[in-house]
């Protein structure tokens, strides 16, 4: 499951059992959990180090993102920026290039800003106190607790969706992290449970248990080291706990995007352009125009195909024409051609219907534009939507459109 960070501050204990019985149970749970973790922990690259920088990078990447997705990005990122100083000195553009496809790009911007602050104010080392750690951009209570417990052995418990689920089932407790009282009770339970000697292993063990055994649906109770003390397991209804978190209703949006092919490619033979661009290789493939930002201030640091958002497909198309007129220096010679692709795209609670058109503005100009070969778009600092549009174009052989000849196919992707 993707990690959903949640802030917490630990100071209290909870529970209705007598102190002696509760203490004995806590010791049993702690030992069983750590024993299980030693035997079953996945060999993840960030677990092979206590370097706070590397642990911090992994924690930021793991927010809202699957472990399997993060691993190759983590490896590439640390190959490019093996130290915090190297990250602090890097250009944001290069950081976004390496982050491209991982999503939630604000994390990358905060990571860069925090690295610069650490280099300037903390002698280049991730701070070792909760107050100082939380002063960094993008570092809340959850990330601070994770890094400090794993790198420095500070006994701070983390609380995310996986951890909350494990504790809620242990206690047969309803509620969700959106409920302040539920959060307070779970925090108190974790404050009593956490291992003072091995807080980092304890935190990772609870998260691992929630990710691999105590699943939201069809939990693997026979494999759980805590089942003896799990009230939800004893009552036979583990999936009833915790209560489902209220979800924000999805919003429907429409987006029109323009693909503008490089004019210097239009005189080439259709076969050469189509075959090379469809394969994503070769020096003769079509180049496309990208601009900074998406629309309405979204993704301002990332390259995108010229796009416009509207309440309807027609409204989005109309707004796109207005933007292209500015990009091309006026409406003269501006043409929005055939529809090349229809895509579905999601950003958090937004469901976006995307229509992609071939466009021919008279003379695109401006400081925020860039020409890039189609096969190289995925390696640039582009949005996930730009990557998706590029895949659709390459897969459908749309580079033939650069020569103005027939043969392009309309592509559908979700």
Protein backbone atom coordinates (compact mmCIF):
# COMPACT_ATOMS: atom_id res chain seq x y z
CA UNK A 1 0.00 0.00 0.00
CA UNK A 2 1.19 3.56 -0.59
CA UNK A 3 2.30 5.35 2.49
CA UNK A 4 -0.04 8.08 3.71
CA UNK A 5 1.86 10.29 6.15
CA UNK A 6 0.09 11.50 9.26
CA UNK A 7 1.38 13.89 11.87
CA UNK A 8 1.62 12.83 15.49
CA UNK A 9 3.21 13.82 18.79
CA UNK A 10 3.73 11.10 21.36
CA UNK A 11 3.51 11.69 25.06
CA UNK A 12 0.59 9.77 26.58
CA UNK A 13 -0.54 6.21 27.15
CA UNK A 14 -3.97 4.67 26.80
CA UNK A 15 -5.92 1.53 27.50
CA UNK A 16 -8.27 0.10 30.11
CA UNK A 17 -6.16 -2.85 31.27
CA UNK A 18 -4.26 -2.71 34.58
CA UNK A 19 -0.77 -1.21 34.27
CA UNK A 20 0.90 -4.53 35.03
CA UNK A 21 -1.14 -6.50 32.50
CA UNK A 22 -0.77 -3.82 29.87
CA UNK A 23 2.98 -3.64 30.40
CA UNK A 24 3.32 -7.41 30.06
CA UNK A 25 1.26 -7.38 26.86
CA UNK A 26 3.28 -4.49 25.43
CA UNK A 27 6.53 -6.37 26.04
CA UNK A 28 5.11 -9.49 24.37
CA UNK A 29 3.86 -7.54 21.37
CA UNK A 30 7.13 -5.64 21.00
CA UNK A 31 9.25 -8.78 21.11
CA UNK A 32 6.99 -10.70 18.74
CA UNK A 33 6.97 -7.83 16.25
CA UNK A 34 10.73 -7.32 16.25
CA UNK A 35 11.38 -11.06 16.03
CA UNK A 36 9.06 -11.28 13.04
CA UNK A 37 10.74 -8.29 11.40
CA UNK A 38 14.21 -9.80 11.74
CA UNK A 39 12.98 -12.88 9.92
CA UNK A 40 10.66 -11.42 7.28
CA UNK A 41 11.83 -7.85 6.55
CA UNK A 42 12.16 -7.10 2.85
CA UNK A 43 15.65 -6.22 1.67
CA UNK A 44 15.00 -2.60 0.69
CA UNK A 45 17.94 -0.34 -0.27
CA UNK A 46 17.26 2.31 2.39
CA UNK A 47 17.32 -0.34 5.11
CA UNK A 48 21.00 -1.00 4.48
CA UNK A 49 22.03 2.38 5.90
CA UNK A 50 21.65 4.66 8.89
CA UNK A 51 22.66 7.69 6.86
CA UNK A 52 19.95 10.28 7.67
CA UNK A 53 20.22 11.80 4.18
CA UNK A 54 19.46 8.54 2.40
CA UNK A 55 16.70 7.62 4.83
CA UNK A 56 15.16 11.08 4.40
CA UNK A 57 15.17 10.77 0.59
CA UNK A 58 13.46 7.38 0.84
CA UNK A 59 10.81 8.66 3.23
CA UNK A 60 9.94 11.58 0.96
CA UNK A 61 9.71 9.31 -2.09
CA UNK A 62 7.56 6.77 -0.25
CA UNK A 63 4.85 9.29 0.56
CA UNK A 64 1.74 8.25 -1.38
CA UNK A 65 3.86 5.96 -3.57
CA UNK A 66 4.27 2.18 -3.80
CA UNK A 67 7.56 0.69 -2.58
CA UNK A 68 8.16 -1.13 -5.88
CA UNK A 69 7.76 2.14 -7.78
CA UNK A 70 10.17 4.01 -5.52
CA UNK A 71 13.14 1.60 -5.65
CA UNK A 72 14.47 2.45 -9.16
CA UNK A 73 13.88 6.18 -8.62
CA UNK A 74 15.70 6.05 -5.28
CA UNK A 75 18.67 4.26 -6.84
CA UNK A 76 18.96 6.71 -9.75
CA UNK A 77 18.49 9.73 -7.52
CA UNK A 78 21.29 8.75 -5.14
CA UNK A 79 23.56 7.89 -8.03
CA UNK A 80 23.14 11.48 -9.22
CA UNK A 81 23.16 13.05 -5.75
CA UNK A 82 25.15 10.76 -3.42
CA UNK A 83 25.36 13.39 -0.69
CA UNK A 84 23.23 16.13 0.76
CA UNK A 85 25.72 18.75 -0.39
CA UNK A 86 25.44 17.53 -3.98
CA UNK A 87 21.66 17.78 -3.78
CA UNK A 88 21.82 21.28 -2.30
CA UNK A 89 24.08 22.45 -5.15
CA UNK A 90 21.99 20.87 -7.92
CA UNK A 91 19.70 22.73 -10.31
CA UNK A 92 16.01 22.18 -9.64
CA UNK A 93 15.54 21.29 -13.32
CA UNK A 94 17.88 18.30 -12.93
CA UNK A 95 16.10 17.16 -9.76
CA UNK A 96 12.74 17.32 -11.51
CA UNK A 97 14.13 15.33 -14.44
CA UNK A 98 15.09 12.50 -12.10
CA UNK A 99 11.74 12.80 -10.32
CA UNK A 100 9.77 12.77 -13.57
CA UNK A 101 7.12 10.03 -13.45
CA UNK A 102 7.14 9.67 -9.66
CA UNK A 103 4.43 12.29 -9.24
CA UNK A 104 3.67 14.73 -6.41
CA UNK A 105 6.42 17.06 -7.62
CA UNK A 106 6.06 19.38 -4.67
CA UNK A 107 8.01 16.72 -2.76
CA UNK A 108 11.01 17.23 -5.05
CA UNK A 109 10.87 21.01 -4.71
CA UNK A 110 10.66 20.75 -0.91
CA UNK A 111 13.50 18.23 -0.85
CA UNK A 112 15.72 20.65 -2.75
CA UNK A 113 14.77 23.62 -0.57
CA UNK A 114 15.30 21.59 2.60
CA UNK A 115 18.73 20.40 1.41
CA UNK A 116 19.77 24.01 0.87
CA UNK A 117 18.55 24.96 4.33
CA UNK A 118 20.42 22.05 5.91
CA UNK A 119 23.61 23.02 4.09
CA UNK A 120 23.26 26.65 5.19
CA UNK A 121 21.99 26.23 8.77
CA UNK A 122 22.82 22.71 10.00
CA UNK A 123 26.36 22.17 8.70
CA UNK A 124 25.16 19.86 5.95
CA UNK A 125 23.67 17.18 8.22
CA UNK A 126 20.00 16.37 8.75
CA UNK A 127 19.08 17.83 12.19
CA UNK A 128 18.72 15.39 15.07
CA UNK A 129 15.91 17.04 17.05
CA UNK A 130 12.20 17.02 16.21
CA UNK A 131 11.87 20.80 16.38
CA UNK A 132 14.76 21.44 14.01
CA UNK A 133 13.76 18.62 11.65
CA UNK A 134 10.22 19.97 11.40
CA UNK A 135 11.54 23.41 10.48
CA UNK A 136 12.58 21.99 7.09
CA UNK A 137 10.32 22.42 4.04
CA UNK A 138 8.23 19.31 3.45
CA UNK A 139 9.14 17.68 6.79
CA UNK A 140 6.23 17.14 9.16
CA UNK A 141 5.92 15.12 12.34
CA UNK A 142 5.72 11.82 10.44
CA UNK A 143 8.87 12.32 8.36
CA UNK A 144 10.78 13.76 11.32
CA UNK A 145 9.88 10.74 13.48
CA UNK A 146 10.80 8.30 10.73
CA UNK A 147 14.23 9.80 10.00
CA UNK A 148 15.15 10.49 13.62
CA UNK A 149 14.14 7.02 14.83
CA UNK A 150 15.91 5.16 12.00
CA UNK A 151 19.04 7.30 11.72
CA UNK A 152 19.57 8.54 15.29
CA UNK A 153 17.63 6.08 17.47
CA UNK A 154 15.25 8.74 18.81
CA UNK A 155 12.18 6.95 20.29
CA UNK A 156 9.49 8.64 18.21
CA UNK A 157 6.73 6.50 16.73
CA UNK A 158 5.44 7.07 13.20
CA UNK A 159 1.77 7.04 12.36
CA UNK A 160 0.58 6.38 8.81
CA UNK A 161 -2.36 4.49 7.37
CA UNK A 162 -0.67 1.11 7.69
CA UNK A 163 0.33 1.64 11.31
CA UNK A 164 -3.12 2.98 12.23
CA UNK A 165 -4.74 -0.13 10.74
CA UNK A 166 -2.56 -2.50 12.79
CA UNK A 167 -3.21 -0.64 16.05
CA UNK A 168 -6.94 -0.25 15.37
CA UNK A 169 -7.27 -4.00 14.88
CA UNK A 170 -5.20 -4.80 17.94
CA UNK A 171 -7.52 -2.61 20.02
CA UNK A 172 -10.73 -3.36 18.06
CA UNK A 173 -11.04 0.38 17.63
CA UNK A 174 -13.26 2.15 15.14
CA UNK A 175 -12.51 5.51 13.60
CA UNK A 176 -10.00 6.89 11.11
CA UNK A 177 -7.03 9.23 11.10
CA UNK A 178 -9.41 12.00 10.09
CA UNK A 179 -11.00 11.66 13.57
CA UNK A 180 -8.95 13.58 16.22
CA UNK A 181 -10.04 11.27 19.06
CA UNK A 182 -9.09 8.13 17.12
CA UNK A 183 -5.72 9.67 16.29
CA UNK A 184 -5.11 10.59 19.94
CA UNK A 185 -5.89 7.06 21.12
CA UNK A 186 -3.65 5.44 18.51
CA UNK A 187 -0.83 7.85 19.31
CA UNK A 188 -1.10 6.99 22.99
CA UNK A 189 -1.00 3.28 22.28
CA UNK A 190 2.08 3.66 20.09
CA UNK A 191 3.82 5.77 22.76
CA UNK A 192 3.53 2.83 25.14
CA UNK A 193 4.45 0.18 22.58
CA UNK A 194 7.51 1.68 20.89
CA UNK A 195 10.87 0.09 21.59
CA UNK A 196 13.19 2.56 23.28
CA UNK A 197 16.22 0.49 22.29
CA UNK A 198 15.26 -0.10 18.64
CA UNK A 199 12.72 2.57 17.65
CA UNK A 200 13.72 2.55 13.98
CA UNK A 201 13.26 -1.19 13.63
CA UNK A 202 9.98 -0.97 15.56
CA UNK A 203 8.60 1.68 13.21
CA UNK A 204 9.68 -0.19 10.11
CA UNK A 205 8.28 -3.45 11.49
CA UNK A 206 4.83 -1.96 12.10
CA UNK A 207 4.77 -0.41 8.63
CA UNK A 208 5.96 -3.67 7.08
CA UNK A 209 3.28 -5.62 8.91
CA UNK A 210 0.60 -3.25 7.62
CA UNK A 211 1.95 -3.37 4.06
CA UNK A 212 2.39 -7.14 3.76
CA UNK A 213 0.19 -8.95 6.32
CA UNK A 214 -2.41 -6.72 8.01
CA UNK A 215 -3.91 -5.71 4.67
CA UNK A 216 -7.04 -3.54 4.31
CA UNK A 217 -8.88 -6.42 2.64
CA UNK A 218 -8.23 -10.14 3.12
CA UNK A 219 -5.67 -9.70 5.92
CA UNK A 220 -3.28 -12.63 6.29
CA UNK A 221 -4.04 -13.22 9.97
CA UNK A 222 -2.45 -16.71 10.23
CA UNK A 223 0.92 -15.11 9.38
CA UNK A 224 0.61 -12.23 11.87
CA UNK A 225 2.95 -12.30 14.88
CA UNK A 226 0.44 -10.22 16.89
CA UNK A 227 -2.66 -12.35 16.32
CA UNK A 228 -2.62 -13.73 19.90
CA UNK A 229 -3.38 -10.27 21.26
CA UNK A 230 -5.43 -8.95 18.33
CA UNK A 231 -9.02 -8.27 19.39
CA UNK A 232 -10.27 -7.84 15.83
CA UNK A 233 -8.84 -11.27 14.94
CA UNK A 234 -10.48 -12.85 17.97
CA UNK A 235 -13.88 -11.41 17.08
CA UNK A 236 -13.47 -12.71 13.51
CA UNK A 237 -14.00 -9.29 11.85
CA UNK A 238 -10.59 -7.74 11.23
CA UNK A 239 -11.74 -5.98 8.06
CA UNK A 240 -14.26 -3.99 10.11
CA UNK A 241 -11.43 -2.01 11.70
CA UNK A 242 -10.60 0.80 11.38
CA UNK A 243 -13.57 2.62 9.93
CA UNK A 244 -13.23 3.69 6.30
CA UNK A 245 -11.75 7.15 5.95
CA UNK A 246 -14.15 9.65 4.37
CA UNK A 247 -13.16 10.19 0.76
CA UNK A 248 -13.43 13.44 -1.12
CA UNK A 249 -15.83 13.21 -4.02
CA UNK A 250 -14.15 13.07 -7.41
CA UNK A 251 -14.27 16.10 -9.69
CA UNK A 252 -14.64 15.86 -13.45
CA UNK A 253 -12.43 18.13 -15.54
CA UNK A 254 -11.70 18.49 -19.24
CA UNK A 255 -8.33 19.32 -20.74
CA UNK A 256 -7.30 20.08 -24.31
CA UNK A 257 -3.64 19.66 -25.27
CA UNK A 258 -1.82 20.69 -28.44
CA UNK A 259 0.94 18.77 -30.18
CA UNK A 260 3.08 21.14 -32.24
CA UNK A 261 5.64 19.36 -34.39
CA UNK A 262 8.94 20.97 -35.30
CA UNK A 263 8.70 22.68 -38.72
CA UNK A 264 12.18 21.53 -39.74
CA UNK A 265 10.91 17.95 -39.83
CA UNK A 266 7.95 18.51 -42.14
CA UNK A 267 9.94 18.34 -45.35
CA UNK A 268 11.32 14.89 -44.59
CA UNK A 269 9.85 11.71 -45.99
CA UNK A 270 6.86 10.36 -44.16
CA UNK A 271 8.28 6.87 -43.94
CA UNK A 272 11.47 8.02 -42.26
CA UNK A 273 9.73 10.21 -39.72
CA UNK A 274 6.96 7.76 -38.92
CA UNK A 275 9.16 4.71 -38.55
CA UNK A 276 11.76 6.42 -36.41
CA UNK A 277 9.35 8.35 -34.18
CA UNK A 278 7.08 5.36 -33.68
CA UNK A 279 10.10 3.35 -32.57
CA UNK A 280 11.25 6.21 -30.37
CA UNK A 281 14.76 6.20 -31.85
CA UNK A 282 16.82 7.87 -34.56
CA UNK A 283 17.97 11.38 -35.23
CA UNK A 284 15.29 12.03 -37.86
CA UNK A 285 12.31 11.69 -35.55
CA UNK A 286 9.90 14.53 -34.96
CA UNK A 287 10.50 17.15 -32.32
CA UNK A 288 7.61 18.60 -30.33
CA UNK A 289 7.04 21.89 -28.53
CA UNK A 290 6.77 21.92 -24.74
CA UNK A 291 5.91 24.83 -22.46
CA UNK A 292 6.39 25.51 -18.76
CA UNK A 293 3.35 24.72 -16.65
CA UNK A 294 0.03 23.07 -17.41
CA UNK A 295 -2.77 25.57 -16.73
CA UNK A 296 -4.23 27.62 -13.87
CA UNK A 297 -0.85 27.65 -12.12
CA UNK A 298 -0.54 23.86 -12.03
CA UNK A 299 2.86 22.20 -12.45
CA UNK A 300 4.61 25.50 -13.03
CA UNK A 301 8.09 23.95 -12.84
CA UNK A 302 7.39 21.12 -15.29
CA UNK A 303 7.35 20.95 -19.09
CA UNK A 304 4.03 20.09 -20.70
CA UNK A 305 2.33 20.09 -24.06
CA UNK A 306 0.43 23.40 -24.39
CA UNK A 307 -2.80 22.74 -22.51
CA UNK A 308 -5.97 24.36 -21.20
CA UNK A 309 -8.55 23.21 -18.65
CA UNK A 310 -12.27 23.83 -19.03
CA UNK A 311 -15.65 22.85 -17.64
CA UNK A 312 -16.37 20.99 -20.88
CA UNK A 313 -14.41 19.61 -23.80
CA UNK A 314 -15.43 22.56 -25.96
CA UNK A 315 -14.54 25.09 -23.26
CA UNK A 316 -11.10 23.54 -22.89
CA UNK A 317 -10.58 23.63 -26.66
CA UNK A 318 -11.61 27.29 -26.81
CA UNK A 319 -9.19 28.23 -24.02
CA UNK A 320 -6.44 26.27 -25.76
CA UNK A 321 -6.98 28.29 -28.94
CA UNK A 322 -6.64 31.50 -26.92
CA UNK A 323 -3.37 30.30 -25.36
CA UNK A 324 -2.00 29.21 -28.74
CA UNK A 325 -2.81 32.61 -30.21
CA UNK A 326 -0.57 34.18 -27.56
CA UNK A 327 2.09 31.54 -28.11
CA UNK A 328 2.06 32.09 -31.87
CA UNK A 329 1.94 35.88 -31.76
CA UNK A 330 -1.70 36.19 -32.82
CA UNK A 331 -4.53 34.27 -34.47
CA UNK A 332 -3.13 34.57 -38.01
CA UNK A 333 -2.02 31.19 -39.29
CA UNK A 334 -3.25 29.43 -36.17
CA UNK A 335 -4.87 26.06 -36.80
CA UNK A 336 -6.07 23.42 -34.37
CA UNK A 337 -6.18 20.24 -36.40
CA UNK A 338 -7.53 16.76 -35.97
CA UNK A 339 -7.82 14.97 -32.66
CA UNK A 340 -4.80 12.71 -32.21
CA UNK A 341 -5.61 11.01 -28.91
CA UNK A 342 -8.22 10.77 -26.17
CA UNK A 343 -6.89 9.99 -22.69
CA UNK A 344 -8.08 9.64 -19.14
CA UNK A 345 -5.85 11.09 -16.44
CA UNK A 346 -6.17 11.31 -12.69
CA UNK A 347 -4.60 13.75 -10.22
CA UNK A 348 -5.66 12.98 -6.64
CA UNK A 349 -9.45 13.53 -6.60
CA UNK A 350 -9.53 15.06 -10.11
CA UNK A 351 -10.69 12.91 -13.02
CA UNK A 352 -9.54 14.53 -16.23
CA UNK A 353 -10.83 13.79 -19.73
CA UNK A 354 -8.00 14.73 -22.09
CA UNK A 355 -8.23 15.38 -25.82
CA UNK A 356 -5.04 15.90 -27.79
CA UNK A 357 -5.01 17.89 -31.04
CA UNK A 358 -2.44 18.64 -33.71
CA UNK A 359 -1.80 22.38 -33.83
CA UNK A 360 0.05 24.78 -36.13
CA UNK A 361 0.61 28.20 -34.59
CA UNK A 362 2.32 30.62 -36.92
CA UNK A 363 5.62 31.07 -35.06
CA UNK A 364 5.78 29.77 -31.48
CA UNK A 365 7.97 31.99 -29.35
CA UNK A 366 8.62 32.98 -25.75
CA UNK A 367 11.06 32.25 -22.91
CA UNK A 368 9.12 29.30 -21.55
CA UNK A 369 9.19 27.02 -24.60
CA UNK A 370 11.39 24.09 -25.54
CA UNK A 371 11.71 21.81 -28.56
CA UNK A 372 12.43 18.19 -27.71
CA UNK A 373 12.61 14.95 -29.67
CA UNK A 374 9.57 12.82 -29.03
CA UNK A 375 11.56 9.91 -27.63
CA UNK A 376 13.36 12.19 -25.18
CA UNK A 377 10.30 13.75 -23.62
CA UNK A 378 10.05 11.03 -20.97
CA UNK A 379 13.55 11.79 -19.71
CA UNK A 380 12.95 15.51 -19.23
CA UNK A 381 11.36 17.29 -16.29
CA UNK A 382 7.85 16.71 -17.62
CA UNK A 383 4.52 15.95 -15.99
CA UNK A 384 3.05 12.48 -15.87
CA UNK A 385 0.38 13.67 -18.31
CA UNK A 386 3.06 14.74 -20.82
CA UNK A 387 4.63 11.30 -20.53
CA UNK A 388 1.24 9.69 -21.13
CA UNK A 389 0.56 11.82 -24.21
CA UNK A 390 4.03 11.01 -25.56
CA UNK A 391 3.45 7.26 -25.16
CA UNK A 392 0.16 7.57 -27.01
CA UNK A 393 1.78 9.47 -29.87
CA UNK A 394 4.71 7.10 -30.24
CA UNK A 395 2.50 4.04 -29.93
CA UNK A 396 0.13 5.32 -32.60
CA UNK A 397 2.85 6.44 -35.03
CA UNK A 398 1.70 10.03 -34.81
CA UNK A 399 5.00 11.43 -36.02
CA UNK A 400 3.68 11.04 -39.54
CA UNK A 401 1.52 14.04 -38.68
CA UNK A 402 4.69 16.13 -38.60
CA UNK A 403 4.95 15.82 -42.37
CA UNK A 404 1.28 16.66 -42.89
CA UNK A 405 0.68 13.29 -44.56
CA UNK A 406 -2.09 10.80 -43.79
CA UNK A 407 -1.50 7.63 -41.88
CA UNK A 408 -1.78 8.69 -38.25
CA UNK A 409 -4.14 6.73 -36.04
CA UNK A 410 -6.25 8.15 -33.24
CA UNK A 411 -5.03 6.78 -29.93
CA UNK A 412 -6.99 5.94 -26.77
CA UNK A 413 -5.18 5.48 -23.45
CA UNK A 414 -6.20 5.40 -19.83
